[in-house]
Protein backbone atom coordinates (compact mmCIF):
# COMPACT_ATOMS: atom_id res chain seq x y z
CA MET A 1 -45.90 12.23 30.75
CA THR A 2 -45.71 9.07 28.65
CA LYS A 3 -44.79 10.78 25.26
CA ARG A 4 -41.84 12.42 27.06
CA LEU A 5 -40.76 9.13 28.62
CA PHE A 6 -41.02 7.48 25.16
CA PHE A 7 -38.98 10.19 23.47
CA LEU A 8 -36.32 9.80 26.12
CA LEU A 9 -36.04 6.43 25.95
CA GLY A 10 -35.84 6.71 22.14
CA VAL A 11 -32.98 9.13 22.45
CA ILE A 12 -31.04 7.13 24.95
CA ALA A 13 -31.23 3.99 22.53
CA GLY A 14 -30.25 6.04 19.43
CA LEU A 15 -27.38 7.18 21.25
CA LEU A 16 -26.47 3.41 22.26
CA PHE A 17 -26.90 2.70 18.78
CA ALA A 18 -24.71 5.54 17.60
CA VAL A 19 -21.79 4.86 20.17
CA ILE A 20 -21.80 0.99 19.26
CA GLY A 21 -21.60 2.03 15.48
CA TYR A 22 -18.86 4.49 16.24
CA ARG A 23 -16.88 2.10 18.33
CA LYS A 24 -17.22 -0.68 15.40
CA ARG A 25 -16.08 1.94 12.86
CA MET A 26 -13.30 3.02 14.87
CA GLU A 27 -12.22 -0.77 15.66
CA ARG A 28 -12.33 -1.47 11.63
CA LEU A 29 -10.07 1.71 11.27
CA ARG A 30 -7.74 0.35 13.72
CA VAL A 31 -7.29 -3.11 11.83
CA LEU A 32 -6.89 -1.51 8.46
CA GLU A 33 -4.51 0.94 10.06
CA ALA A 34 -2.49 -2.01 11.60
CA GLN A 35 -2.66 -3.85 8.33
CA GLU A 36 -1.32 -0.83 6.37
CA ALA A 37 1.53 -0.51 8.78
CA ALA A 38 2.44 -4.12 8.49
CA LYS A 39 2.37 -3.60 4.69
CA THR A 40 4.48 -0.58 4.75
CA ALA A 41 6.95 -2.22 7.28
CA ARG A 42 7.21 -5.27 4.98
CA TYR A 43 7.78 -3.32 1.60
CA ALA A 44 10.61 -1.47 3.71
CA GLU A 45 12.32 -4.76 4.55
CA TYR A 46 12.22 -5.81 0.97
CA ASN A 47 13.37 -2.43 -0.34
CA ARG A 48 16.52 -3.18 2.20
CA GLU A 49 16.99 -6.76 1.05
CA TRP A 50 16.84 -5.49 -2.66
CA GLN A 51 19.34 -2.52 -1.96
CA ALA A 52 21.73 -4.86 -0.29
CA GLU A 53 21.62 -7.46 -3.08
CA LEU A 54 22.12 -4.64 -5.39
CA ALA A 55 25.16 -3.56 -3.68
CA THR A 56 26.55 -6.75 -3.91
CA MET A 57 26.17 -6.77 -7.82
CA PRO A 58 28.97 -6.03 -10.15
CA PHE A 59 29.11 -2.52 -11.67
CA GLU A 60 27.82 -3.42 -15.01
CA LYS A 61 24.61 -5.21 -14.20
CA ARG A 62 23.96 -2.32 -11.49
CA MET A 63 24.39 0.16 -13.81
CA ASP A 64 22.05 -1.72 -16.32
CA TRP A 65 19.48 -1.89 -13.70
CA GLU A 66 19.77 1.78 -13.15
CA LEU A 67 19.31 2.64 -16.64
CA PHE A 68 16.42 0.07 -16.75
CA GLN A 69 14.75 2.05 -13.82
CA THR A 70 15.61 5.47 -15.20
CA SER A 71 13.89 4.50 -18.49
CA LEU A 72 10.76 3.04 -16.64
CA LYS A 73 10.66 6.59 -14.70
CA LEU A 74 10.77 8.37 -18.14
CA SER A 75 7.92 6.58 -19.74
CA ASN A 76 6.08 7.03 -16.30
CA TYR A 77 6.29 2.98 -15.66
CA GLN A 78 4.58 2.45 -19.04
CA PRO A 79 7.05 1.28 -21.23
CA ASP A 80 6.25 1.26 -24.67
CA TRP A 81 8.93 -1.84 -25.62
CA SER A 82 7.45 -4.20 -28.40
CA ASP A 83 9.09 -7.85 -28.84
CA GLU A 84 10.46 -6.94 -32.31
CA ASP A 85 13.05 -4.44 -31.57
CA TYR A 86 14.01 -6.41 -28.47
CA ASP A 87 17.91 -6.54 -28.45
CA ASP A 88 19.52 -8.07 -25.57
CA GLU A 89 23.15 -9.06 -25.55
CA GLU A 90 22.38 -11.70 -23.06
CA SER A 91 19.86 -13.55 -25.36
CA HIS A 92 22.53 -14.04 -28.14
């Protein structure tokens, strides 16, 4: 009878520890999801601000920016530019 009692108490204690661990894990997951949602919202706001600023730019600067973004996308965001062949009209 005592073996069964200790076995039953062990199972109950194990289940309690499992539930406590599960709840802590779910709480950490909720915190991480909230942080990710806040980061996503913040980046969306930054993007809206940048798009508004881009819309107010003169046409030439806006097209320069678009060409720059396109060249970055074509090189998979790993530009192979070197300082030697840097030729910018504004630097002269």
